[in-house]
Amino acid sequence: TLGITALQTSRIGLGCSRTASLATARAPAEVRATLNEAFEHGVNLFDTADIYGQGDSERMLGDLFRARRPEVAFCTKAGLTLTLSQSLIRFAKPVLSPVLRRWSGGRRRALTRRQESERQCFEPDFLRSCIEGSLRRLQTDYIDLFLLHLPPVAVVNDDAVRDLLTEMRQAGKLRFLGVSCNTVAVARAALAWDELACLQVPVNVAQQSMIDDVLPGAAARGVGILAREPFAGGTLFDHPAIQRVCQDHPEMSPPQVALKYVLQLPYVDVVLVGVTGRGHLNDNLKVFDARPLSENDMAELRQAARVR
C-alpha cells in the first residue's frame, strides 16, 4: 500500500516520459507491447505528465488500459508548459518519428529542445484545465495520483493552488495529491501540507540528500514515496562502488545493482524506471530474483555519493 493511501501498487512503476516521445528509439508498437508486458508481470503504476510526448503519453496509456482501468494506478502531473512550436510537433510525429528512431543525434537534439522550451505555470485556472485535459486523454473520470510538477516552494505554500486541488479531490476527480520535486526545500514545504499523500523525488547512488532529510519525515506522516531516476540517467554504471558490488553479485549488472539499492532503501514505496523496450523491462524485473544486497553492500553504496 502506498503510504496511507488505499492504493495497492507494484514496487516498480513505469516512468512514461519517453512513451510516445520523439526521443524514444522504439516504434509505437514496441512501446505498447512493453507496457502490456509490464502489466502482465504485475506492474500497475504508470507515471506520466500532461506534457510528456505532447500529451501522447497519456493518450497511449488511456487507449491501452481503458478496459482494465480498475487494475492500474495512473500518476500524472501538471505545472510545466511547452512553447507553441513544441506543442505543434505532435502533428509532425508521423513523419519525424521514423527518421529520428534511426538517428540518435536527432533524438538527443529533439529532447534538448523540448526541455529548453519548458516553462512553469501553476495558476489555478491553468491547473484545472490541465487536469480536465489529462482526464480526457487518459479516458478516465478520476486520476489516482495527481502531482504538482516541479513547483517552487511558493507554489507549494499557495493557498489558492491547495484549495483548487482539494476541491477537485473532493469532487472525485483526483484520488490522492502529491508533489514531484527536486530539492529538499520543496519536499519539506510539501510535507507541511495536510492533503499531501505522496512525494516523487530523485533517489540514486549519486543523489542521496532525500534519504536523510525527507524520507523519514514522510514515512512518519504516512506519505508515500515514489523514487525516480534510480540510474541517474545512466551516469552511474561506471561508478566504482557499483562496480565493486557487482563483483560480489555476478548475477547482477551495474544497472540492476543501482536499482536493487533503491528498492532496498527504507521508506521507498515505489521505484520508477523509464523503459520503452521489453528487453530493458525484463532486465529490471530480474532484480527481484537476485540475492539481496548485504548490509555492507548497502553501506558502501550509501557512502558513494560522499566520495564521488
Protein backbone atom coordinates (compact mmCIF):
# COMPACT_ATOMS: atom_id res chain seq x y z
CA THR A 1 0.00 0.00 0.00
CA LEU A 2 1.36 3.41 -1.00
CA GLY A 3 1.77 5.31 2.28
CA ILE A 4 -1.58 5.71 3.99
CA THR A 5 -3.49 5.77 0.69
CA ALA A 6 -5.72 2.92 -0.38
CA LEU A 7 -3.62 2.30 -3.50
CA GLN A 8 -2.11 -1.15 -3.89
CA THR A 9 0.94 -0.59 -6.07
CA SER A 10 3.79 -2.60 -7.53
CA ARG A 11 7.28 -1.96 -6.15
CA ILE A 12 8.37 -0.89 -9.62
CA GLY A 13 6.38 1.67 -11.56
CA LEU A 14 6.90 2.65 -15.18
CA GLY A 15 8.06 6.18 -15.92
CA CYS A 16 6.45 7.16 -19.20
CA SER A 17 8.28 10.38 -20.11
CA ARG A 18 9.67 8.78 -23.28
CA THR A 19 6.44 7.00 -24.16
CA ALA A 20 5.20 8.45 -27.47
CA SER A 21 8.11 10.90 -27.45
CA LEU A 22 10.34 11.89 -30.33
CA ALA A 23 13.24 10.97 -28.04
CA THR A 24 12.46 7.25 -27.99
CA ALA A 25 14.21 4.87 -30.33
CA ARG A 26 11.33 2.37 -30.16
CA ALA A 27 8.44 2.07 -32.56
CA PRO A 28 4.99 2.71 -31.04
CA ALA A 29 4.10 -0.98 -31.38
CA GLU A 30 7.11 -1.97 -29.26
CA VAL A 31 6.28 0.66 -26.64
CA ARG A 32 2.70 -0.60 -26.38
CA ALA A 33 3.92 -4.20 -26.16
CA THR A 34 6.30 -3.18 -23.36
CA LEU A 35 3.52 -1.50 -21.38
CA ASN A 36 1.30 -4.55 -21.78
CA GLU A 37 4.09 -6.93 -20.77
CA ALA A 38 4.86 -4.82 -17.71
CA PHE A 39 1.20 -5.07 -16.68
CA GLU A 40 1.22 -8.85 -17.21
CA HIS A 41 4.26 -9.09 -14.91
CA GLY A 42 2.41 -7.19 -12.17
CA VAL A 43 3.48 -3.59 -12.77
CA ASN A 44 0.38 -1.49 -12.20
CA LEU A 45 1.61 2.07 -11.58
CA PHE A 46 2.25 4.24 -14.63
CA ASP A 47 3.78 7.69 -14.14
CA THR A 48 3.17 10.29 -16.82
CA ALA A 49 2.51 14.04 -17.22
CA ASP A 50 0.40 16.24 -19.43
CA ILE A 51 3.44 17.43 -21.43
CA TYR A 52 5.05 14.02 -22.00
CA GLY A 53 5.01 13.35 -25.71
CA GLN A 54 2.88 16.50 -26.15
CA GLY A 55 0.10 14.62 -24.34
CA ASP A 56 0.54 11.42 -26.38
CA SER A 57 1.93 9.54 -23.37
CA GLU A 58 -1.40 9.96 -21.59
CA ARG A 59 -3.29 9.13 -24.79
CA MET A 60 -1.40 5.85 -25.22
CA LEU A 61 -1.98 4.85 -21.59
CA GLY A 62 -5.66 5.69 -21.87
CA ASP A 63 -6.06 3.63 -25.02
CA LEU A 64 -4.16 0.63 -23.65
CA PHE A 65 -5.76 0.39 -20.23
CA ARG A 66 -9.29 1.68 -20.79
CA ALA A 67 -10.77 -1.80 -20.36
CA ARG A 68 -8.51 -2.55 -17.36
CA ARG A 69 -8.83 0.82 -15.64
CA PRO A 70 -9.62 -0.50 -12.11
CA GLU A 71 -6.45 -2.61 -12.21
CA VAL A 72 -3.98 0.22 -12.85
CA ALA A 73 -2.93 3.37 -11.00
CA PHE A 74 -2.33 6.45 -13.12
CA CYS A 75 0.02 9.09 -11.73
CA THR A 76 0.11 12.29 -13.76
CA LYS A 77 1.44 15.79 -13.23
CA ALA A 78 0.89 19.38 -14.32
CA GLY A 79 2.55 22.75 -13.94
CA LEU A 80 5.04 22.69 -16.80
CA THR A 81 4.16 24.05 -20.23
CA LEU A 82 5.65 23.86 -23.71
CA THR A 83 6.02 26.57 -26.34
CA LEU A 84 3.51 26.59 -29.17
CA SER A 85 6.06 25.23 -31.63
CA GLN A 86 6.87 22.30 -29.34
CA SER A 87 3.19 21.56 -28.82
CA LEU A 88 2.56 21.53 -32.57
CA ILE A 89 5.34 18.97 -33.12
CA ARG A 90 2.78 16.33 -32.16
CA PHE A 91 1.18 16.67 -35.60
CA ALA A 92 4.53 16.10 -37.35
CA LYS A 93 5.34 12.91 -35.43
CA PRO A 94 4.12 10.51 -38.13
CA VAL A 95 6.85 11.94 -40.39
CA LEU A 96 9.57 12.77 -37.85
CA SER A 97 9.44 9.70 -35.58
CA PRO A 98 10.56 7.07 -38.14
CA VAL A 99 13.52 9.28 -39.09
CA LEU A 100 14.60 10.00 -35.52
CA ARG A 101 14.37 6.35 -34.48
CA ARG A 102 17.37 5.78 -36.78
CA TRP A 103 19.19 8.99 -35.81
CA SER A 104 20.37 9.08 -32.18
CA GLY A 105 21.81 12.57 -32.52
CA GLY A 106 18.48 13.84 -33.73
CA ARG A 107 16.68 12.23 -30.79
CA ARG A 108 19.04 13.90 -28.33
CA ARG A 109 18.55 17.24 -30.07
CA ALA A 110 14.77 16.86 -30.00
CA LEU A 111 14.86 16.08 -26.27
CA THR A 112 17.14 19.04 -25.54
CA ARG A 113 14.94 21.45 -27.46
CA ARG A 114 11.84 20.20 -25.67
CA GLN A 115 13.50 20.62 -22.27
CA GLU A 116 14.67 24.12 -23.19
CA SER A 117 11.12 25.06 -24.13
CA GLU A 118 9.65 24.10 -20.76
CA ARG A 119 8.10 26.89 -18.70
CA GLN A 120 6.13 26.86 -15.45
CA CYS A 121 2.53 27.84 -14.79
CA PHE A 122 0.68 26.94 -11.62
CA GLU A 123 -2.25 29.35 -11.86
CA PRO A 124 -5.36 27.57 -10.51
CA ASP A 125 -7.37 28.04 -13.72
CA PHE A 126 -4.50 26.64 -15.76
CA LEU A 127 -4.11 23.64 -13.45
CA ARG A 128 -7.84 22.97 -13.64
CA SER A 129 -7.71 22.92 -17.45
CA CYS A 130 -4.64 20.64 -17.33
CA ILE A 131 -6.42 18.17 -15.06
CA GLU A 132 -9.52 18.13 -17.26
CA GLY A 133 -7.28 17.55 -20.28
CA SER A 134 -5.47 14.66 -18.57
CA LEU A 135 -8.80 13.05 -17.67
CA ARG A 136 -9.85 13.16 -21.33
CA ARG A 137 -6.56 11.81 -22.65
CA LEU A 138 -6.42 9.03 -20.06
CA GLN A 139 -10.07 8.20 -20.84
CA THR A 140 -11.00 8.11 -17.18
CA ASP A 141 -13.12 10.06 -14.74
CA TYR A 142 -10.53 10.04 -11.97
CA ILE A 143 -6.75 10.26 -11.54
CA ASP A 144 -5.26 8.04 -8.85
CA LEU A 145 -2.29 10.31 -8.07
CA PHE A 146 -2.06 13.92 -9.19
CA LEU A 147 1.24 15.72 -8.58
CA LEU A 148 2.38 19.29 -8.97
CA HIS A 149 5.22 19.08 -11.50
CA LEU A 150 8.46 20.52 -10.03
CA PRO A 151 6.89 23.55 -8.32
CA PRO A 152 8.85 26.16 -6.32
CA VAL A 153 8.27 26.48 -2.58
CA ALA A 154 5.95 29.46 -3.09
CA VAL A 155 3.56 27.37 -5.19
CA VAL A 156 3.50 24.53 -2.67
CA ASN A 157 2.54 27.07 0.00
CA ASP A 158 -0.03 28.85 -2.20
CA ASP A 159 -3.49 28.53 -0.63
CA ALA A 160 -5.21 29.07 -3.99
CA VAL A 161 -3.38 26.11 -5.51
CA ARG A 162 -4.06 23.94 -2.47
CA ASP A 163 -7.73 24.89 -2.42
CA LEU A 164 -8.18 24.03 -6.10
CA LEU A 165 -6.61 20.59 -5.72
CA THR A 166 -8.59 19.89 -2.56
CA GLU A 167 -11.79 20.92 -4.36
CA MET A 168 -11.06 18.57 -7.27
CA ARG A 169 -10.18 15.77 -4.89
CA GLN A 170 -13.45 16.23 -3.04
CA ALA A 171 -15.25 16.17 -6.40
CA GLY A 172 -13.77 12.70 -7.04
CA LYS A 173 -11.59 13.71 -10.00
CA LEU A 174 -8.35 13.29 -8.04
CA ARG A 175 -7.99 10.47 -5.52
CA PHE A 176 -4.71 11.50 -3.89
CA LEU A 177 -2.47 14.55 -4.13
CA GLY A 178 1.28 14.91 -4.20
CA VAL A 179 4.31 16.86 -5.34
CA SER A 180 7.14 15.95 -7.69
CA CYS A 181 10.23 17.83 -6.60
CA ASN A 182 14.00 18.05 -7.00
CA THR A 183 15.03 19.82 -3.81
CA VAL A 184 14.84 19.15 -0.09
CA ALA A 185 13.37 22.63 0.47
CA VAL A 186 10.36 21.94 -1.76
CA ALA A 187 9.88 18.47 -0.25
CA ARG A 188 9.85 19.91 3.27
CA ALA A 189 7.32 22.57 2.26
CA ALA A 190 5.13 19.86 0.76
CA LEU A 191 5.26 17.80 3.96
CA ALA A 192 3.62 20.70 5.78
CA TRP A 193 0.52 20.32 3.56
CA ASP A 194 -2.18 18.26 5.26
CA GLU A 195 -3.53 16.96 1.94
CA LEU A 196 -0.17 15.55 0.82
CA ALA A 197 -0.35 11.80 0.11
CA CYS A 198 2.86 11.19 -1.83
CA LEU A 199 6.19 12.70 -2.85
CA GLN A 200 8.09 11.93 -6.02
CA VAL A 201 11.81 12.57 -5.52
CA PRO A 202 15.14 11.61 -7.17
CA VAL A 203 16.94 8.85 -5.26
CA ASN A 204 20.05 7.08 -6.52
CA VAL A 205 23.62 6.30 -5.52
CA ALA A 206 24.77 9.77 -6.59
CA GLN A 207 21.75 11.71 -5.22
CA GLN A 208 21.03 10.77 -1.63
CA SER A 209 20.06 14.04 0.05
CA MET A 210 16.40 12.98 0.24
CA ILE A 211 17.25 9.78 2.13
CA ASP A 212 18.23 11.51 5.37
CA ASP A 213 16.40 14.82 5.05
CA VAL A 214 13.00 13.85 3.65
CA LEU A 215 12.18 10.14 3.64
CA PRO A 216 11.97 9.57 7.43
CA GLY A 217 9.68 12.57 7.89
CA ALA A 218 7.49 11.45 5.02
CA ALA A 219 7.20 7.95 6.49
CA ALA A 220 6.27 9.38 9.90
CA ARG A 221 3.35 11.16 8.25
CA GLY A 222 2.34 8.18 6.11
CA VAL A 223 3.30 9.98 2.90
CA GLY A 224 4.15 7.53 0.11
CA ILE A 225 7.49 7.83 -1.68
CA LEU A 226 7.91 7.41 -5.43
CA ALA A 227 11.68 7.28 -6.05
CA ARG A 228 12.63 8.33 -9.56
CA GLU A 229 15.89 8.38 -11.56
CA PRO A 230 17.43 5.29 -9.93
CA PHE A 231 20.02 5.18 -12.73
CA ALA A 232 20.74 8.95 -12.73
CA GLY A 233 20.26 8.96 -16.48
CA GLY A 234 22.72 6.12 -16.95
CA THR A 235 25.65 8.04 -15.45
CA LEU A 236 26.12 5.60 -12.54
CA PHE A 237 27.05 2.42 -14.33
CA ASP A 238 30.81 3.02 -14.15
CA HIS A 239 30.64 4.21 -10.54
CA PRO A 240 33.45 2.49 -8.56
CA ALA A 241 31.11 1.50 -5.71
CA ILE A 242 28.59 -0.09 -8.07
CA GLN A 243 31.36 -1.86 -9.96
CA ARG A 244 32.74 -3.21 -6.68
CA VAL A 245 29.35 -4.52 -5.52
CA CYS A 246 28.93 -6.23 -8.89
CA GLN A 247 31.98 -8.34 -8.07
CA ASP A 248 30.09 -9.82 -5.11
CA HIS A 249 26.90 -10.15 -7.15
CA PRO A 250 27.90 -11.53 -10.56
CA GLU A 251 24.24 -12.32 -11.22
CA MET A 252 23.54 -8.57 -11.47
CA SER A 253 24.64 -5.90 -13.96
CA PRO A 254 25.53 -2.35 -12.82
CA PRO A 255 22.00 -1.07 -13.69
CA GLN A 256 20.48 -3.90 -11.67
CA VAL A 257 22.70 -3.12 -8.65
CA ALA A 258 21.70 0.55 -8.89
CA LEU A 259 18.02 -0.42 -8.97
CA LYS A 260 18.34 -3.01 -6.21
CA TYR A 261 19.93 -0.40 -3.95
CA VAL A 262 16.96 1.97 -4.22
CA LEU A 263 14.45 -0.86 -3.83
CA GLN A 264 16.08 -1.90 -0.54
CA LEU A 265 16.15 1.58 0.98
CA PRO A 266 13.81 2.14 3.92
CA TYR A 267 10.67 4.19 3.27
CA VAL A 268 10.75 3.82 -0.53
CA ASP A 269 7.37 2.53 -1.71
CA VAL A 270 7.79 2.54 -5.50
CA VAL A 271 10.82 2.93 -7.75
CA LEU A 272 10.03 4.50 -11.12
CA VAL A 273 12.03 3.18 -14.08
CA GLY A 274 11.77 4.55 -17.58
CA VAL A 275 11.63 1.79 -20.18
CA THR A 276 10.38 1.69 -23.77
CA GLY A 277 11.53 -1.82 -24.74
CA ARG A 278 10.76 -5.29 -23.43
CA GLY A 279 14.43 -6.26 -23.08
CA HIS A 280 15.11 -3.35 -20.74
CA LEU A 281 11.90 -4.07 -18.83
CA ASN A 282 12.84 -7.71 -18.23
CA ASP A 283 16.38 -6.76 -17.16
CA ASN A 284 14.86 -4.54 -14.49
CA LEU A 285 12.38 -7.15 -13.32
CA LYS A 286 15.18 -9.70 -12.82
CA VAL A 287 16.36 -7.78 -9.74
CA PHE A 288 13.57 -9.49 -7.80
CA ASP A 289 15.22 -12.85 -8.48
CA ALA A 290 18.69 -11.70 -7.37
CA ARG A 291 20.10 -12.07 -3.87
CA PRO A 292 19.51 -9.07 -1.61
CA LEU A 293 22.39 -6.66 -1.21
CA SER A 294 24.14 -7.20 2.13
CA GLU A 295 24.32 -4.60 4.87
CA ASN A 296 27.94 -3.96 3.88
CA ASP A 297 26.91 -3.51 0.23
CA MET A 298 24.21 -1.04 1.20
CA ALA A 299 26.57 0.87 3.48
CA GLU A 300 29.20 1.09 0.75
CA LEU A 301 26.69 2.42 -1.76
CA ARG A 302 25.25 4.75 0.87
CA GLN A 303 28.69 6.34 1.23
CA ALA A 304 29.28 6.52 -2.51
CA ALA A 305 27.78 9.97 -3.01
CA ARG A 306 30.14 11.41 -0.43
CA VAL A 307 33.27 10.12 -2.15
CA ARG A 308 32.19 10.51 -5.77
